[in-house]
Amino acid sequence: MTSTEKRPDKWELAREEAKERLLACQKEHGIESCMKCEKVIGCEIRSDYVKKVYESMSKGQGGGFEF
């Protein structure tokens, strides 16, 4: 890692772990998008990923971000 590269923080690491779980689930079900899955509504893996993306953007501070 060079001096210009930053190390991932705990929120980025958690987001990447959630992304890996999400991609593994998609691969297991033979789909490229959660929108093609019948379990998209209420899916814990997808909900966790969305939560981790939000947390990585807000760095755990919460508030103010709307989709």
PDB file of N, CA and C in Angstrom:
ATOM      1  N   MET A   1       0.852  -1.174   0.000  1.00  0.00           N
ATOM      2  CA  MET A   1       0.000   0.000   0.000  1.00  0.00           C
ATOM      3  C   MET A   1       0.894   1.231   0.000  1.00  0.00           C
ATOM      4  N   THR A   2       0.632   2.141  -0.936  1.00  0.00           N
ATOM      5  CA  THR A   2       1.426   3.360  -1.016  1.00  0.00           C
ATOM      6  C   THR A   2       0.876   4.400  -0.053  1.00  0.00           C
ATOM      7  N   SER A   3       1.637   5.461   0.136  1.00  0.00           N
ATOM      8  CA  SER A   3       1.214   6.502   1.069  1.00  0.00           C
ATOM      9  C   SER A   3      -0.032   7.241   0.597  1.00  0.00           C
ATOM     10  N   THR A   4      -0.343   7.188  -0.703  1.00  0.00           N
ATOM     11  CA  THR A   4      -1.534   7.860  -1.215  1.00  0.00           C
ATOM     12  C   THR A   4      -2.788   6.998  -1.113  1.00  0.00           C
ATOM     13  N   GLU A   5      -2.615   5.702  -0.861  1.00  0.00           N
ATOM     14  CA  GLU A   5      -3.760   4.813  -0.709  1.00  0.00           C
ATOM     15  C   GLU A   5      -4.228   4.831   0.738  1.00  0.00           C
ATOM     16  N   LYS A   6      -5.536   4.873   0.912  1.00  0.00           N
ATOM     17  CA  LYS A   6      -6.048   4.833   2.277  1.00  0.00           C
ATOM     18  C   LYS A   6      -6.452   3.404   2.629  1.00  0.00           C
ATOM     19  N   ARG A   7      -6.365   3.101   3.880  1.00  0.00           N
ATOM     20  CA  ARG A   7      -6.788   1.778   4.354  1.00  0.00           C
ATOM     21  C   ARG A   7      -8.294   1.792   4.561  1.00  0.00           C
ATOM     22  N   PRO A   8      -8.933   0.679   4.235  1.00  0.00           N
ATOM     23  CA  PRO A   8     -10.392   0.630   4.451  1.00  0.00           C
ATOM     24  C   PRO A   8     -10.715   0.737   5.946  1.00  0.00           C
ATOM     25  N   ASP A   9     -11.749   1.509   6.269  1.00  0.00           N
ATOM     26  CA  ASP A   9     -12.168   1.606   7.663  1.00  0.00           C
ATOM     27  C   ASP A   9     -13.131   0.463   7.984  1.00  0.00           C
ATOM     28  N   LYS A  10     -13.574   0.403   9.229  1.00  0.00           N
ATOM     29  CA  LYS A  10     -14.415  -0.726   9.662  1.00  0.00           C
ATOM     30  C   LYS A  10     -15.741  -0.774   8.905  1.00  0.00           C
ATOM     31  N   TRP A  11     -16.259   0.407   8.494  1.00  0.00           N
ATOM     32  CA  TRP A  11     -17.526   0.413   7.759  1.00  0.00           C
ATOM     33  C   TRP A  11     -17.330  -0.111   6.344  1.00  0.00           C
ATOM     34  N   GLU A  12     -16.213   0.239   5.721  1.00  0.00           N
ATOM     35  CA  GLU A  12     -15.920  -0.265   4.379  1.00  0.00           C
ATOM     36  C   GLU A  12     -15.680  -1.772   4.400  1.00  0.00           C
ATOM     37  N   LEU A  13     -15.000  -2.247   5.423  1.00  0.00           N
ATOM     38  CA  LEU A  13     -14.761  -3.691   5.554  1.00  0.00           C
ATOM     39  C   LEU A  13     -16.078  -4.448   5.744  1.00  0.00           C
ATOM     40  N   ALA A  14     -16.955  -3.905   6.584  1.00  0.00           N
ATOM     41  CA  ALA A  14     -18.261  -4.539   6.813  1.00  0.00           C
ATOM     42  C   ALA A  14     -19.091  -4.541   5.539  1.00  0.00           C
ATOM     43  N   ARG A  15     -19.017  -3.445   4.764  1.00  0.00           N
ATOM     44  CA  ARG A  15     -19.740  -3.365   3.492  1.00  0.00           C
ATOM     45  C   ARG A  15     -19.230  -4.419   2.516  1.00  0.00           C
ATOM     46  N   GLU A  16     -17.931  -4.592   2.445  1.00  0.00           N
ATOM     47  CA  GLU A  16     -17.352  -5.580   1.533  1.00  0.00           C
ATOM     48  C   GLU A  16     -17.736  -7.004   1.921  1.00  0.00           C
ATOM     49  N   GLU A  17     -17.771  -7.284   3.234  1.00  0.00           N
ATOM     50  CA  GLU A  17     -18.190  -8.612   3.697  1.00  0.00           C
ATOM     51  C   GLU A  17     -19.652  -8.863   3.324  1.00  0.00           C
ATOM     52  N   ALA A  18     -20.502  -7.856   3.514  1.00  0.00           N
ATOM     53  CA  ALA A  18     -21.918  -7.994   3.168  1.00  0.00           C
ATOM     54  C   ALA A  18     -22.072  -8.172   1.658  1.00  0.00           C
ATOM     55  N   LYS A  19     -21.262  -7.463   0.877  1.00  0.00           N
ATOM     56  CA  LYS A  19     -21.312  -7.589  -0.583  1.00  0.00           C
ATOM     57  C   LYS A  19     -20.925  -8.997  -1.012  1.00  0.00           C
ATOM     58  N   GLU A  20     -19.911  -9.561  -0.383  1.00  0.00           N
ATOM     59  CA  GLU A  20     -19.483 -10.924  -0.714  1.00  0.00           C
ATOM     60  C   GLU A  20     -20.599 -11.930  -0.433  1.00  0.00           C
ATOM     61  N   ARG A  21     -21.301 -11.758   0.699  1.00  0.00           N
ATOM     62  CA  ARG A  21     -22.429 -12.644   1.024  1.00  0.00           C
ATOM     63  C   ARG A  21     -23.551 -12.492  -0.008  1.00  0.00           C
ATOM     64  N   LEU A  22     -23.822 -11.250  -0.403  1.00  0.00           N
ATOM     65  CA  LEU A  22     -24.865 -10.987  -1.381  1.00  0.00           C
ATOM     66  C   LEU A  22     -24.515 -11.617  -2.727  1.00  0.00           C
ATOM     67  N   LEU A  23     -23.296 -11.435  -3.186  1.00  0.00           N
ATOM     68  CA  LEU A  23     -22.875 -11.998  -4.477  1.00  0.00           C
ATOM     69  C   LEU A  23     -22.876 -13.524  -4.440  1.00  0.00           C
ATOM     70  N   ALA A  24     -22.491 -14.101  -3.305  1.00  0.00           N
ATOM     71  CA  ALA A  24     -22.506 -15.561  -3.165  1.00  0.00           C
ATOM     72  C   ALA A  24     -23.939 -16.081  -3.250  1.00  0.00           C
ATOM     73  N   CYS A  25     -24.869 -15.366  -2.648  1.00  0.00           N
ATOM     74  CA  CYS A  25     -26.278 -15.762  -2.699  1.00  0.00           C
ATOM     75  C   CYS A  25     -26.796 -15.681  -4.132  1.00  0.00           C
ATOM     76  N   GLN A  26     -26.467 -14.587  -4.820  1.00  0.00           N
ATOM     77  CA  GLN A  26     -26.898 -14.447  -6.206  1.00  0.00           C
ATOM     78  C   GLN A  26     -26.334 -15.583  -7.061  1.00  0.00           C
ATOM     79  N   LYS A  27     -25.070 -15.906  -6.854  1.00  0.00           N
ATOM     80  CA  LYS A  27     -24.439 -16.988  -7.620  1.00  0.00           C
ATOM     81  C   LYS A  27     -25.122 -18.323  -7.318  1.00  0.00           C
ATOM     82  N   GLU A  28     -25.397 -18.557  -6.041  1.00  0.00           N
ATOM     83  CA  GLU A  28     -26.062 -19.806  -5.627  1.00  0.00           C
ATOM     84  C   GLU A  28     -27.423 -19.961  -6.298  1.00  0.00           C
ATOM     85  N   HIS A  29     -28.120 -18.843  -6.484  1.00  0.00           N
ATOM     86  CA  HIS A  29     -29.456 -18.880  -7.082  1.00  0.00           C
ATOM     87  C   HIS A  29     -29.431 -18.659  -8.590  1.00  0.00           C
ATOM     88  N   GLY A  30     -28.238 -18.479  -9.169  1.00  0.00           N
ATOM     89  CA  GLY A  30     -28.115 -18.338 -10.612  1.00  0.00           C
ATOM     90  C   GLY A  30     -28.703 -17.055 -11.172  1.00  0.00           C
ATOM     91  N   ILE A  31     -28.600 -15.971 -10.388  1.00  0.00           N
ATOM     92  CA  ILE A  31     -29.129 -14.681 -10.835  1.00  0.00           C
ATOM     93  C   ILE A  31     -28.027 -13.624 -10.751  1.00  0.00           C
ATOM     94  N   GLU A  32     -28.213 -12.548 -11.513  1.00  0.00           N
ATOM     95  CA  GLU A  32     -27.235 -11.461 -11.502  1.00  0.00           C
ATOM     96  C   GLU A  32     -27.732 -10.241 -10.740  1.00  0.00           C
ATOM     97  N   SER A  33     -28.976 -10.289 -10.285  1.00  0.00           N
ATOM     98  CA  SER A  33     -29.574  -9.166  -9.572  1.00  0.00           C
ATOM     99  C   SER A  33     -30.589  -9.689  -8.565  1.00  0.00           C
ATOM    100  N   CYS A  34     -30.639  -9.056  -7.420  1.00  0.00           N
ATOM    101  CA  CYS A  34     -31.638  -9.428  -6.416  1.00  0.00           C
ATOM    102  C   CYS A  34     -33.056  -9.176  -6.914  1.00  0.00           C
ATOM    103  N   MET A  35     -33.194  -8.241  -7.845  1.00  0.00           N
ATOM    104  CA  MET A  35     -34.526  -7.923  -8.381  1.00  0.00           C
ATOM    105  C   MET A  35     -35.129  -9.099  -9.131  1.00  0.00           C
ATOM    106  N   LYS A  36     -34.319 -10.055  -9.521  1.00  0.00           N
ATOM    107  CA  LYS A  36     -34.814 -11.245 -10.223  1.00  0.00           C
ATOM    108  C   LYS A  36     -35.157 -12.381  -9.256  1.00  0.00           C
ATOM    109  N   CYS A  37     -34.989 -12.141  -7.963  1.00  0.00           N
ATOM    110  CA  CYS A  37     -35.223 -13.170  -6.945  1.00  0.00           C
ATOM    111  C   CYS A  37     -36.608 -12.991  -6.328  1.00  0.00           C
ATOM    112  N   GLU A  38     -37.306 -14.095  -6.153  1.00  0.00           N
ATOM    113  CA  GLU A  38     -38.650 -14.040  -5.558  1.00  0.00           C
ATOM    114  C   GLU A  38     -38.606 -13.643  -4.084  1.00  0.00           C
ATOM    115  N   LYS A  39     -37.440 -13.725  -3.455  1.00  0.00           N
ATOM    116  CA  LYS A  39     -37.311 -13.400  -2.031  1.00  0.00           C
ATOM    117  C   LYS A  39     -36.762 -11.997  -1.791  1.00  0.00           C
ATOM    118  N   VAL A  40     -36.748 -11.146  -2.828  1.00  0.00           N
ATOM    119  CA  VAL A  40     -36.136  -9.818  -2.715  1.00  0.00           C
ATOM    120  C   VAL A  40     -36.755  -8.995  -1.579  1.00  0.00           C
ATOM    121  N   ILE A  41     -38.069  -9.054  -1.424  1.00  0.00           N
ATOM    122  CA  ILE A  41     -38.739  -8.328  -0.348  1.00  0.00           C
ATOM    123  C   ILE A  41     -38.570  -9.133   0.944  1.00  0.00           C
ATOM    124  N   GLY A  42     -37.940  -8.521   1.926  1.00  0.00           N
ATOM    125  CA  GLY A  42     -37.743  -9.179   3.205  1.00  0.00           C
ATOM    126  C   GLY A  42     -36.482 -10.025   3.294  1.00  0.00           C
ATOM    127  N   CYS A  43     -35.638  -9.990   2.269  1.00  0.00           N
ATOM    128  CA  CYS A  43     -34.409 -10.782   2.278  1.00  0.00           C
ATOM    129  C   CYS A  43     -33.410 -10.195   3.272  1.00  0.00           C
ATOM    130  N   GLU A  44     -32.986 -10.995   4.229  1.00  0.00           N
ATOM    131  CA  GLU A  44     -32.057 -10.527   5.263  1.00  0.00           C
ATOM    132  C   GLU A  44     -30.679 -10.212   4.692  1.00  0.00           C
ATOM    133  N   ILE A  45     -30.217 -10.991   3.723  1.00  0.00           N
ATOM    134  CA  ILE A  45     -28.890 -10.758   3.132  1.00  0.00           C
ATOM    135  C   ILE A  45     -28.877  -9.418   2.409  1.00  0.00           C
ATOM    136  N   ARG A  46     -29.903  -9.158   1.613  1.00  0.00           N
ATOM    137  CA  ARG A  46     -29.980  -7.892   0.877  1.00  0.00           C
ATOM    138  C   ARG A  46     -30.180  -6.723   1.838  1.00  0.00           C
ATOM    139  N   SER A  47     -31.038  -6.880   2.829  1.00  0.00           N
ATOM    140  CA  SER A  47     -31.275  -5.811   3.808  1.00  0.00           C
ATOM    141  C   SER A  47     -29.993  -5.460   4.558  1.00  0.00           C
ATOM    142  N   ASP A  48     -29.216  -6.487   4.918  1.00  0.00           N
ATOM    143  CA  ASP A  48     -27.955  -6.247   5.611  1.00  0.00           C
ATOM    144  C   ASP A  48     -26.980  -5.496   4.706  1.00  0.00           C
ATOM    145  N   TYR A  49     -26.937  -5.869   3.427  1.00  0.00           N
ATOM    146  CA  TYR A  49     -26.050  -5.188   2.480  1.00  0.00           C
ATOM    147  C   TYR A  49     -26.436  -3.709   2.352  1.00  0.00           C
ATOM    148  N   VAL A  50     -27.718  -3.425   2.179  1.00  0.00           N
ATOM    149  CA  VAL A  50     -28.177  -2.038   2.063  1.00  0.00           C
ATOM    150  C   VAL A  50     -27.802  -1.261   3.322  1.00  0.00           C
ATOM    151  N   LYS A  51     -27.991  -1.872   4.475  1.00  0.00           N
ATOM    152  CA  LYS A  51     -27.641  -1.228   5.745  1.00  0.00           C
ATOM    153  C   LYS A  51     -26.144  -0.930   5.818  1.00  0.00           C
ATOM    154  N   LYS A  52     -25.329  -1.887   5.408  1.00  0.00           N
ATOM    155  CA  LYS A  52     -23.865  -1.704   5.461  1.00  0.00           C
ATOM    156  C   LYS A  52     -23.395  -0.639   4.473  1.00  0.00           C
ATOM    157  N   VAL A  53     -24.042  -0.553   3.305  1.00  0.00           N
ATOM    158  CA  VAL A  53     -23.706   0.506   2.343  1.00  0.00           C
ATOM    159  C   VAL A  53     -24.019   1.861   2.957  1.00  0.00           C
ATOM    160  N   TYR A  54     -25.186   2.004   3.550  1.00  0.00           N
ATOM    161  CA  TYR A  54     -25.574   3.255   4.196  1.00  0.00           C
ATOM    162  C   TYR A  54     -24.586   3.613   5.305  1.00  0.00           C
ATOM    163  N   GLU A  55     -24.247   2.635   6.144  1.00  0.00           N
ATOM    164  CA  GLU A  55     -23.317   2.896   7.242  1.00  0.00           C
ATOM    165  C   GLU A  55     -21.931   3.287   6.727  1.00  0.00           C
ATOM    166  N   SER A  56     -21.491   2.690   5.630  1.00  0.00           N
ATOM    167  CA  SER A  56     -20.182   3.045   5.078  1.00  0.00           C
ATOM    168  C   SER A  56     -20.193   4.462   4.507  1.00  0.00           C
ATOM    169  N   MET A  57     -21.337   4.897   4.013  1.00  0.00           N
ATOM    170  CA  MET A  57     -21.447   6.261   3.484  1.00  0.00           C
ATOM    171  C   MET A  57     -21.508   7.287   4.615  1.00  0.00           C
ATOM    172  N   SER A  58     -22.180   6.949   5.692  1.00  0.00           N
ATOM    173  CA  SER A  58     -22.355   7.903   6.798  1.00  0.00           C
ATOM    174  C   SER A  58     -21.319   7.716   7.904  1.00  0.00           C
ATOM    175  N   LYS A  59     -20.476   6.690   7.746  1.00  0.00           N
ATOM    176  CA  LYS A  59     -19.440   6.365   8.751  1.00  0.00           C
ATOM    177  C   LYS A  59     -20.043   6.211  10.143  1.00  0.00           C
ATOM    178  N   GLY A  60     -21.248   5.618  10.171  1.00  0.00           N
ATOM    179  CA  GLY A  60     -21.895   5.329  11.450  1.00  0.00           C
ATOM    180  C   GLY A  60     -22.586   6.505  12.101  1.00  0.00           C
ATOM    181  N   GLN A  61     -22.599   7.673  11.448  1.00  0.00           N
ATOM    182  CA  GLN A  61     -23.192   8.853  12.046  1.00  0.00           C
ATOM    183  C   GLN A  61     -24.709   8.904  11.890  1.00  0.00           C
ATOM    184  N   GLY A  62     -25.230   8.178  10.909  1.00  0.00           N
ATOM    185  CA  GLY A  62     -26.677   8.127  10.697  1.00  0.00           C
ATOM    186  C   GLY A  62     -27.256   9.463  10.251  1.00  0.00           C
ATOM    187  N   GLY A  63     -28.563   9.469  10.039  1.00  0.00           N
ATOM    188  CA  GLY A  63     -29.296  10.685   9.715  1.00  0.00           C
ATOM    189  C   GLY A  63     -29.027  11.304   8.367  1.00  0.00           C
ATOM    190  N   GLY A  64     -30.049  11.860   7.776  1.00  0.00           N
ATOM    191  CA  GLY A  64     -29.922  12.699   6.608  1.00  0.00           C
ATOM    192  C   GLY A  64     -29.850  12.046   5.243  1.00  0.00           C
ATOM    193  N   PHE A  65     -29.556  10.781   5.130  1.00  0.00           N
ATOM    194  CA  PHE A  65     -29.435  10.169   3.815  1.00  0.00           C
ATOM    195  C   PHE A  65     -30.759   9.547   3.417  1.00  0.00           C
ATOM    196  N   GLU A  66     -31.232   9.874   2.226  1.00  0.00           N
ATOM    197  CA  GLU A  66     -32.479   9.314   1.718  1.00  0.00           C
ATOM    198  C   GLU A  66     -32.238   8.715   0.343  1.00  0.00           C
ATOM    199  N   PHE A  67     -32.913   7.611   0.028  1.00  0.00           N
ATOM    200  CA  PHE A  67     -32.782   6.977  -1.274  1.00  0.00           C
ATOM    201  C   PHE A  67     -33.602   7.728  -2.283  1.00  0.00           C
TER     202      PHE A  67
END
